C-alpha atoms as a PDB file:
ATOM      1  CA  UNK A   1      -0.011  -0.001  -0.001  1.00  0.00           C
ATOM      2  CA  UNK A   2       1.403   3.429  -0.962  1.00  0.00           C
ATOM      3  CA  UNK A   3       1.954   6.048   1.749  1.00  0.00           C
ATOM      4  CA  UNK A   4      -0.995   8.141   0.579  1.00  0.00           C
ATOM      5  CA  UNK A   5      -3.356   5.138   0.571  1.00  0.00           C
ATOM      6  CA  UNK A   6      -2.015   4.044   3.975  1.00  0.00           C
ATOM      7  CA  UNK A   7      -2.630   7.510   5.411  1.00  0.00           C
ATOM      8  CA  UNK A   8      -6.139   7.663   3.972  1.00  0.00           C
ATOM      9  CA  UNK A   9      -6.886   4.216   5.337  1.00  0.00           C
ATOM     10  CA  UNK A  10      -5.752   5.177   8.818  1.00  0.00           C
ATOM     11  CA  UNK A  11      -7.904   8.304   8.718  1.00  0.00           C
ATOM     12  CA  UNK A  12     -11.043   6.321   7.927  1.00  0.00           C
ATOM     13  CA  UNK A  13     -10.389   3.535  10.389  1.00  0.00           C
ATOM     14  CA  UNK A  14      -9.554   5.617  13.467  1.00  0.00           C
ATOM     15  CA  UNK A  15     -11.968   4.703  16.254  1.00  0.00           C
ATOM     16  CA  UNK A  16     -15.021   6.847  16.973  1.00  0.00           C
ATOM     17  CA  UNK A  17     -13.828   9.756  14.837  1.00  0.00           C
ATOM     18  CA  UNK A  18     -16.654  11.905  13.414  1.00  0.00           C
ATOM     19  CA  UNK A  19     -17.060  11.793   9.630  1.00  0.00           C
ATOM     20  CA  UNK A  20     -16.528  15.560   9.329  1.00  0.00           C
ATOM     21  CA  UNK A  21     -13.265  15.323  11.303  1.00  0.00           C
ATOM     22  CA  UNK A  22     -12.166  12.436   9.101  1.00  0.00           C
ATOM     23  CA  UNK A  23     -12.757  14.526   5.977  1.00  0.00           C
ATOM     24  CA  UNK A  24     -10.818  17.443   7.498  1.00  0.00           C
ATOM     25  CA  UNK A  25      -7.973  15.026   8.251  1.00  0.00           C
ATOM     26  CA  UNK A  26      -8.040  13.807   4.653  1.00  0.00           C
ATOM     27  CA  UNK A  27      -7.970  17.353   3.310  1.00  0.00           C
ATOM     28  CA  UNK A  28      -5.141  18.067   5.753  1.00  0.00           C
ATOM     29  CA  UNK A  29      -3.303  15.184   4.182  1.00  0.00           C
ATOM     30  CA  UNK A  30      -3.826  16.717   0.728  1.00  0.00           C
ATOM     31  CA  UNK A  31      -2.718  20.024   2.224  1.00  0.00           C
ATOM     32  CA  UNK A  32       0.494  18.484   3.483  1.00  0.00           C
ATOM     33  CA  UNK A  33       1.065  17.153  -0.050  1.00  0.00           C
ATOM     34  CA  UNK A  34       0.501  20.072  -2.440  1.00  0.00           C
ATOM     35  CA  UNK A  35      -2.341  19.283  -4.837  1.00  0.00           C
ATOM     36  CA  UNK A  36      -0.158  20.314  -7.803  1.00  0.00           C
ATOM     37  CA  UNK A  37       2.395  17.698  -6.749  1.00  0.00           C
ATOM     38  CA  UNK A  38      -0.256  15.007  -6.291  1.00  0.00           C
ATOM     39  CA  UNK A  39      -1.892  15.709  -9.615  1.00  0.00           C
ATOM     40  CA  UNK A  40       1.455  16.091 -11.368  1.00  0.00           C
ATOM     41  CA  UNK A  41       2.533  12.693 -10.107  1.00  0.00           C
ATOM     42  CA  UNK A  42      -0.828  11.194 -11.157  1.00  0.00           C
ATOM     43  CA  UNK A  43      -0.511  12.775 -14.586  1.00  0.00           C
ATOM     44  CA  UNK A  44       2.889  11.228 -15.188  1.00  0.00           C
ATOM     45  CA  UNK A  45       1.505   7.904 -13.987  1.00  0.00           C
ATOM     46  CA  UNK A  46      -1.466   8.184 -16.343  1.00  0.00           C
ATOM     47  CA  UNK A  47       0.766   8.866 -19.312  1.00  0.00           C
ATOM     48  CA  UNK A  48       3.451   6.261 -18.732  1.00  0.00           C
ATOM     49  CA  UNK A  49       2.564   3.405 -16.363  1.00  0.00           C
ATOM     50  CA  UNK A  50      -1.201   3.068 -16.206  1.00  0.00           C
ATOM     51  CA  UNK A  51      -2.276  -0.563 -15.705  1.00  0.00           C
ATOM     52  CA  UNK A  52      -5.216  -0.128 -18.134  1.00  0.00           C
ATOM     53  CA  UNK A  53      -4.259   2.234 -21.001  1.00  0.00           C
ATOM     54  CA  UNK A  54      -7.729   1.950 -22.534  1.00  0.00           C
ATOM     55  CA  UNK A  55      -9.106   3.744 -19.425  1.00  0.00           C
ATOM     56  CA  UNK A  56      -7.269   6.977 -20.226  1.00  0.00           C
ATOM     57  CA  UNK A  57     -10.210   8.817 -21.853  1.00  0.00           C
ATOM     58  CA  UNK A  58     -11.970  12.165 -21.890  1.00  0.00           C
ATOM     59  CA  UNK A  59     -15.147  12.817 -19.843  1.00  0.00           C
ATOM     60  CA  UNK A  60     -17.330  12.438 -22.963  1.00  0.00           C
ATOM     61  CA  UNK A  61     -15.572   9.250 -23.987  1.00  0.00           C
ATOM     62  CA  UNK A  62     -16.061   7.861 -20.463  1.00  0.00           C
ATOM     63  CA  UNK A  63     -19.814   8.565 -20.588  1.00  0.00           C
ATOM     64  CA  UNK A  64     -20.119   7.010 -24.029  1.00  0.00           C
ATOM     65  CA  UNK A  65     -18.328   3.903 -22.796  1.00  0.00           C
ATOM     66  CA  UNK A  66     -20.600   3.568 -19.776  1.00  0.00           C
ATOM     67  CA  UNK A  67     -23.760   3.845 -21.875  1.00  0.00           C
ATOM     68  CA  UNK A  68     -22.444   1.450 -24.528  1.00  0.00           C
ATOM     69  CA  UNK A  69     -21.699  -1.076 -21.814  1.00  0.00           C
ATOM     70  CA  UNK A  70     -25.177  -0.700 -20.446  1.00  0.00           C
ATOM     71  CA  UNK A  71     -26.635  -1.339 -23.878  1.00  0.00           C
ATOM     72  CA  UNK A  72     -24.714  -4.619 -24.040  1.00  0.00           C
ATOM     73  CA  UNK A  73     -26.011  -5.534 -20.584  1.00  0.00           C
ATOM     74  CA  UNK A  74     -29.618  -4.757 -21.480  1.00  0.00           C
ATOM     75  CA  UNK A  75     -29.440  -6.724 -24.707  1.00  0.00           C
ATOM     76  CA  UNK A  76     -27.903  -9.775 -23.024  1.00  0.00           C
ATOM     77  CA  UNK A  77     -24.600  -9.351 -24.890  1.00  0.00           C
ATOM     78  CA  UNK A  78     -22.279  -8.756 -21.931  1.00  0.00           C
ATOM     79  CA  UNK A  79     -18.642  -9.455 -22.670  1.00  0.00           C
ATOM     80  CA  UNK A  80     -16.878 -12.465 -21.244  1.00  0.00           C
ATOM     81  CA  UNK A  81     -14.167 -11.236 -18.883  1.00  0.00           C
ATOM     82  CA  UNK A  82     -10.895 -13.054 -18.394  1.00  0.00           C
ATOM     83  CA  UNK A  83      -9.562 -11.788 -15.079  1.00  0.00           C
ATOM     84  CA  UNK A  84      -6.194 -13.400 -15.672  1.00  0.00           C
ATOM     85  CA  UNK A  85      -5.335 -10.882 -18.361  1.00  0.00           C
ATOM     86  CA  UNK A  86      -5.474  -7.860 -15.993  1.00  0.00           C
ATOM     87  CA  UNK A  87      -4.567  -9.387 -12.616  1.00  0.00           C
ATOM     88  CA  UNK A  88      -0.832  -8.663 -12.841  1.00  0.00           C
ATOM     89  CA  UNK A  89      -1.282  -5.140 -14.112  1.00  0.00           C
ATOM     90  CA  UNK A  90      -3.905  -4.223 -11.511  1.00  0.00           C
ATOM     91  CA  UNK A  91      -1.785  -5.559  -8.661  1.00  0.00           C
ATOM     92  CA  UNK A  92       0.508  -2.570  -9.319  1.00  0.00           C
ATOM     93  CA  UNK A  93      -2.129   0.169  -9.449  1.00  0.00           C
ATOM     94  CA  UNK A  94      -5.464   1.367 -10.774  1.00  0.00           C
ATOM     95  CA  UNK A  95      -6.791   3.947 -13.213  1.00  0.00           C
ATOM     96  CA  UNK A  96     -10.607   3.583 -13.335  1.00  0.00           C
ATOM     97  CA  UNK A  97     -12.214   5.621 -16.080  1.00  0.00           C
ATOM     98  CA  UNK A  98     -15.372   6.487 -14.087  1.00  0.00           C
ATOM     99  CA  UNK A  99     -16.507   6.963 -10.498  1.00  0.00           C
ATOM    100  CA  UNK A 100     -19.979   5.747  -9.542  1.00  0.00           C
ATOM    101  CA  UNK A 101     -21.915   6.904  -6.504  1.00  0.00           C
ATOM    102  CA  UNK A 102     -24.373   4.032  -6.191  1.00  0.00           C
ATOM    103  CA  UNK A 103     -27.061   2.889  -3.827  1.00  0.00           C
ATOM    104  CA  UNK A 104     -26.073  -0.072  -1.640  1.00  0.00           C
ATOM    105  CA  UNK A 105     -29.097  -2.017  -2.912  1.00  0.00           C
ATOM    106  CA  UNK A 106     -28.049  -5.608  -3.668  1.00  0.00           C
ATOM    107  CA  UNK A 107     -29.970  -5.527  -6.951  1.00  0.00           C
ATOM    108  CA  UNK A 108     -27.814  -2.745  -8.330  1.00  0.00           C
ATOM    109  CA  UNK A 109     -24.302  -3.784  -9.377  1.00  0.00           C
ATOM    110  CA  UNK A 110     -22.466  -1.057 -11.346  1.00  0.00           C
ATOM    111  CA  UNK A 111     -19.798  -3.354 -12.789  1.00  0.00           C
ATOM    112  CA  UNK A 112     -22.519  -5.622 -14.132  1.00  0.00           C
ATOM    113  CA  UNK A 113     -24.955  -3.034 -15.453  1.00  0.00           C
ATOM    114  CA  UNK A 114     -22.163  -1.241 -17.285  1.00  0.00           C
ATOM    115  CA  UNK A 115     -20.550  -4.488 -18.401  1.00  0.00           C
ATOM    116  CA  UNK A 116     -17.121  -3.658 -16.978  1.00  0.00           C
ATOM    117  CA  UNK A 117     -14.366  -5.532 -15.198  1.00  0.00           C
ATOM    118  CA  UNK A 118     -12.097  -4.964 -12.242  1.00  0.00           C
ATOM    119  CA  UNK A 119     -10.147  -1.715 -12.332  1.00  0.00           C
ATOM    120  CA  UNK A 120     -12.608   0.064 -14.629  1.00  0.00           C
ATOM    121  CA  UNK A 121     -15.004   1.690 -12.136  1.00  0.00           C
ATOM    122  CA  UNK A 122     -14.298   3.355  -8.812  1.00  0.00           C
ATOM    123  CA  UNK A 123     -17.533   2.574  -6.940  1.00  0.00           C
ATOM    124  CA  UNK A 124     -18.759   4.191  -3.727  1.00  0.00           C
ATOM    125  CA  UNK A 125     -22.014   2.943  -2.202  1.00  0.00           C
ATOM    126  CA  UNK A 126     -24.464   4.032   0.445  1.00  0.00           C
ATOM    127  CA  UNK A 127     -28.176   3.320   0.836  1.00  0.00           C
ATOM    128  CA  UNK A 128     -29.910   6.156  -1.013  1.00  0.00           C
ATOM    129  CA  UNK A 129     -26.886   7.122  -3.148  1.00  0.00           C
ATOM    130  CA  UNK A 130     -26.244  10.512  -1.553  1.00  0.00           C
ATOM    131  CA  UNK A 131     -23.045  12.413  -0.778  1.00  0.00           C
ATOM    132  CA  UNK A 132     -21.662  11.990   2.743  1.00  0.00           C
ATOM    133  CA  UNK A 133     -18.313  13.344   3.966  1.00  0.00           C
ATOM    134  CA  UNK A 134     -16.625   9.959   3.479  1.00  0.00           C
ATOM    135  CA  UNK A 135     -18.237   9.430   0.087  1.00  0.00           C
ATOM    136  CA  UNK A 136     -17.045  12.892  -0.969  1.00  0.00           C
ATOM    137  CA  UNK A 137     -13.507  12.185   0.178  1.00  0.00           C
ATOM    138  CA  UNK A 138     -13.503   8.927  -1.760  1.00  0.00           C
ATOM    139  CA  UNK A 139     -14.730  10.686  -4.920  1.00  0.00           C
ATOM    140  CA  UNK A 140     -12.116  13.377  -4.483  1.00  0.00           C
ATOM    141  CA  UNK A 141      -9.474  10.683  -4.296  1.00  0.00           C
ATOM    142  CA  UNK A 142     -10.925   8.925  -7.341  1.00  0.00           C
ATOM    143  CA  UNK A 143     -10.876  12.088  -9.431  1.00  0.00           C
ATOM    144  CA  UNK A 144      -7.850  14.041  -8.159  1.00  0.00           C
ATOM    145  CA  UNK A 145      -5.447  11.153  -7.571  1.00  0.00           C
ATOM    146  CA  UNK A 146      -6.722   8.349  -9.795  1.00  0.00           C
ATOM    147  CA  UNK A 147      -7.678  10.843 -12.498  1.00  0.00           C
ATOM    148  CA  UNK A 148     -11.159   9.502 -13.283  1.00  0.00           C
ATOM    149  CA  UNK A 149     -12.810  11.951 -15.688  1.00  0.00           C
ATOM    150  CA  UNK A 150     -16.419  11.126 -14.836  1.00  0.00           C
ATOM    151  CA  UNK A 151     -18.678  10.785 -11.784  1.00  0.00           C
ATOM    152  CA  UNK A 152     -22.146   9.303 -12.158  1.00  0.00           C
ATOM    153  CA  UNK A 153     -24.670   9.508  -9.298  1.00  0.00           C
ATOM    154  CA  UNK A 154     -26.608   6.302  -9.941  1.00  0.00           C
ATOM    155  CA  UNK A 155     -30.095   6.041  -8.444  1.00  0.00           C
ATOM    156  CA  UNK A 156     -32.624   3.327  -9.184  1.00  0.00           C
ATOM    157  CA  UNK A 157     -36.285   2.405  -9.214  1.00  0.00           C
ATOM    158  CA  UNK A 158     -38.011   0.935  -6.137  1.00  0.00           C
ATOM    159  CA  UNK A 159     -35.350   2.344  -3.822  1.00  0.00           C
ATOM    160  CA  UNK A 160     -36.025   1.178  -0.267  1.00  0.00           C
ATOM    161  CA  UNK A 161     -34.096   4.086   1.292  1.00  0.00           C
ATOM    162  CA  UNK A 162     -36.186   6.618  -0.671  1.00  0.00           C
ATOM    163  CA  UNK A 163     -39.412   4.764   0.220  1.00  0.00           C
ATOM    164  CA  UNK A 164     -38.405   4.941   3.906  1.00  0.00           C
ATOM    165  CA  UNK A 165     -37.677   8.655   3.530  1.00  0.00           C
ATOM    166  CA  UNK A 166     -41.121   9.210   1.996  1.00  0.00           C
ATOM    167  CA  UNK A 167     -42.781   7.335   4.885  1.00  0.00           C
ATOM    168  CA  UNK A 168     -40.798   9.356   7.414  1.00  0.00           C
ATOM    169  CA  UNK A 169     -41.689  12.622   5.763  1.00  0.00           C
ATOM    170  CA  UNK A 170     -45.358  12.039   4.945  1.00  0.00           C
ATOM    171  CA  UNK A 171     -46.360   9.705   7.748  1.00  0.00           C
ATOM    172  CA  UNK A 172     -43.864  10.517  10.522  1.00  0.00           C
ATOM    173  CA  UNK A 173     -42.639   6.913  10.369  1.00  0.00           C
ATOM    174  CA  UNK A 174     -39.763   6.137  12.724  1.00  0.00           C
ATOM    175  CA  UNK A 175     -37.011   3.621  12.048  1.00  0.00           C
ATOM    176  CA  UNK A 176     -34.585   1.871  14.423  1.00  0.00           C
ATOM    177  CA  UNK A 177     -30.881   2.488  14.893  1.00  0.00           C
ATOM    178  CA  UNK A 178     -29.166   4.762  12.418  1.00  0.00           C
ATOM    179  CA  UNK A 179     -31.713   4.129   9.605  1.00  0.00           C
ATOM    180  CA  UNK A 180     -33.513   7.306  10.625  1.00  0.00           C
ATOM    181  CA  UNK A 181     -30.384   9.294   9.704  1.00  0.00           C
ATOM    182  CA  UNK A 182     -30.707   8.028   6.119  1.00  0.00           C
ATOM    183  CA  UNK A 183     -34.299   9.232   5.883  1.00  0.00           C
ATOM    184  CA  UNK A 184     -33.252  12.654   7.253  1.00  0.00           C
ATOM    185  CA  UNK A 185     -30.506  12.994   4.655  1.00  0.00           C
ATOM    186  CA  UNK A 186     -32.936  12.080   1.866  1.00  0.00           C
ATOM    187  CA  UNK A 187     -35.728  14.364   3.072  1.00  0.00           C
ATOM    188  CA  UNK A 188     -34.921  17.290   0.719  1.00  0.00           C
ATOM    189  CA  UNK A 189     -35.611  15.136  -2.301  1.00  0.00           C
ATOM    190  CA  UNK A 190     -38.900  13.958  -0.788  1.00  0.00           C
ATOM    191  CA  UNK A 191     -39.916  17.490   0.203  1.00  0.00           C
ATOM    192  CA  UNK A 192     -39.426  18.679  -3.373  1.00  0.00           C
ATOM    193  CA  UNK A 193     -41.542  15.800  -4.712  1.00  0.00           C
ATOM    194  CA  UNK A 194     -44.348  16.560  -2.241  1.00  0.00           C
ATOM    195  CA  UNK A 195     -44.241  20.305  -2.947  1.00  0.00           C
ATOM    196  CA  UNK A 196     -44.424  19.569  -6.636  1.00  0.00           C
ATOM    197  CA  UNK A 197     -47.509  17.380  -6.055  1.00  0.00           C
ATOM    198  CA  UNK A 198     -45.879  14.535  -7.959  1.00  0.00           C
ATOM    199  CA  UNK A 199     -48.237  11.713  -8.950  1.00  0.00           C
ATOM    200  CA  UNK A 200     -45.660   9.133  -7.857  1.00  0.00           C
ATOM    201  CA  UNK A 201     -43.801  10.685  -4.878  1.00  0.00           C
ATOM    202  CA  UNK A 202     -41.290   7.857  -4.542  1.00  0.00           C
ATOM    203  CA  UNK A 203     -40.259   7.976  -8.223  1.00  0.00           C
ATOM    204  CA  UNK A 204     -40.066  11.758  -8.187  1.00  0.00           C
ATOM    205  CA  UNK A 205     -37.986  11.673  -4.997  1.00  0.00           C
ATOM    206  CA  UNK A 206     -35.626   9.126  -6.529  1.00  0.00           C
ATOM    207  CA  UNK A 207     -34.957  11.408  -9.451  1.00  0.00           C
ATOM    208  CA  UNK A 208     -34.816  14.552  -7.312  1.00  0.00           C
ATOM    209  CA  UNK A 209     -32.266  12.866  -5.068  1.00  0.00           C
ATOM    210  CA  UNK A 210     -30.036  12.140  -8.043  1.00  0.00           C
ATOM    211  CA  UNK A 211     -30.179  15.731  -9.237  1.00  0.00           C
ATOM    212  CA  UNK A 212     -29.621  17.187  -5.774  1.00  0.00           C
ATOM    213  CA  UNK A 213     -26.478  15.131  -5.279  1.00  0.00           C
ATOM    214  CA  UNK A 214     -25.157  15.955  -8.748  1.00  0.00           C
ATOM    215  CA  UNK A 215     -25.547  19.595  -7.804  1.00  0.00           C
ATOM    216  CA  UNK A 216     -23.848  19.035  -4.459  1.00  0.00           C
ATOM    217  CA  UNK A 217     -20.867  17.479  -6.205  1.00  0.00           C
ATOM    218  CA  UNK A 218     -20.723  20.256  -8.801  1.00  0.00           C
ATOM    219  CA  UNK A 219     -20.540  22.787  -5.946  1.00  0.00           C
ATOM    220  CA  UNK A 220     -18.031  20.790  -3.853  1.00  0.00           C
ATOM    221  CA  UNK A 221     -14.846  22.739  -3.203  1.00  0.00           C
ATOM    222  CA  UNK A 222     -11.937  22.659  -3.584  1.00  0.00           C
ATOM    223  CA  UNK A 223     -11.307  19.626  -5.768  1.00  0.00           C
ATOM    224  CA  UNK A 224     -14.365  18.519  -7.722  1.00  0.00           C
ATOM    225  CA  UNK A 225     -15.796  21.904  -8.607  1.00  0.00           C
ATOM    226  CA  UNK A 226     -12.386  23.023  -9.888  1.00  0.00           C
ATOM    227  CA  UNK A 227     -11.894  19.979 -12.048  1.00  0.00           C
ATOM    228  CA  UNK A 228     -15.373  20.425 -13.517  1.00  0.00           C
ATOM    229  CA  UNK A 229     -14.585  24.087 -14.242  1.00  0.00           C
ATOM    230  CA  UNK A 230     -11.336  23.074 -15.981  1.00  0.00           C
ATOM    231  CA  UNK A 231     -13.171  20.555 -18.167  1.00  0.00           C
ATOM    232  CA  UNK A 232     -11.264  17.617 -16.660  1.00  0.00           C
ATOM    233  CA  UNK A 233     -14.339  16.103 -15.012  1.00  0.00           C
ATOM    234  CA  UNK A 234     -17.988  15.574 -15.853  1.00  0.00           C
ATOM    235  CA  UNK A 235     -20.580  14.965 -13.084  1.00  0.00           C
ATOM    236  CA  UNK A 236     -24.019  13.676 -14.032  1.00  0.00           C
ATOM    237  CA  UNK A 237     -26.889  11.477 -12.914  1.00  0.00           C
ATOM    238  CA  UNK A 238     -28.159   8.105 -14.040  1.00  0.00           C
ATOM    239  CA  UNK A 239     -31.320   6.148 -13.199  1.00  0.00           C
ATOM    240  CA  UNK A 240     -31.213   2.345 -13.164  1.00  0.00           C
ATOM    241  CA  UNK A 241     -34.533   0.626 -13.947  1.00  0.00           C
ATOM    242  CA  UNK A 242     -34.655  -2.647 -12.050  1.00  0.00           C
ATOM    243  CA  UNK A 243     -37.156  -4.261 -14.430  1.00  0.00           C
ATOM    244  CA  UNK A 244     -35.195  -3.593 -17.596  1.00  0.00           C
ATOM    245  CA  UNK A 245     -31.625  -3.063 -16.503  1.00  0.00           C
ATOM    246  CA  UNK A 246     -31.435   0.139 -18.520  1.00  0.00           C
ATOM    247  CA  UNK A 247     -29.687   3.240 -17.232  1.00  0.00           C
ATOM    248  CA  UNK A 248     -31.183   6.556 -18.364  1.00  0.00           C
ATOM    249  CA  UNK A 249     -29.393   9.856 -17.907  1.00  0.00           C
ATOM    250  CA  UNK A 250     -31.122  12.225 -15.488  1.00  0.00           C
ATOM    251  CA  UNK A 251     -30.887  15.914 -16.272  1.00  0.00           C
END
């Protein structure tokens, strides 16, 4: 494990440390290592020693590749993957071409629905696919250090977390343990759906949630917003339909 990865790992595994403090520690780590130096090193790596040269693409090329992979998946023409061909290269590093912020739902598997293999996607997951401090830090790492040119916030139909948030907001439903915190985080998307008098509040909230988190990432300083501004990164939303397997862009 490299020193940077080791430091990041120790930050996120320290006992009982608040998420916000963990993120400040991570940004402190980046502060101790000038961003220009980190990105400069990553750029050299991307040009000369990337494990998967085909993953060095532009934001638009990354999006096209994702959607083409999903078309193969939907049509039942997924590629056969021989893991032996990339195992040695990936043991020395990674250069995923896209970051995915996905729901933790077991029916949603980004590598499958985009017909990709190991090392292609940098996937972060949380029930309800929303930005948390730790998710944000992971996406910053994926884009600033690993040089991924694309982030997709991937929501899906029949989302249990969104359904729970709707029940909490409209019926004052209470949930045990930390589940209530999820419903609180997702409440803005539900509130917008209710205020808009959506015919299907859950579906509207699922889509609202995607767009709200795309906006949050666009506005996230100092790393993601700057890379978007420079044209090095595209951030967008996708909606996965459980019944068809198709991913539609959400704008």
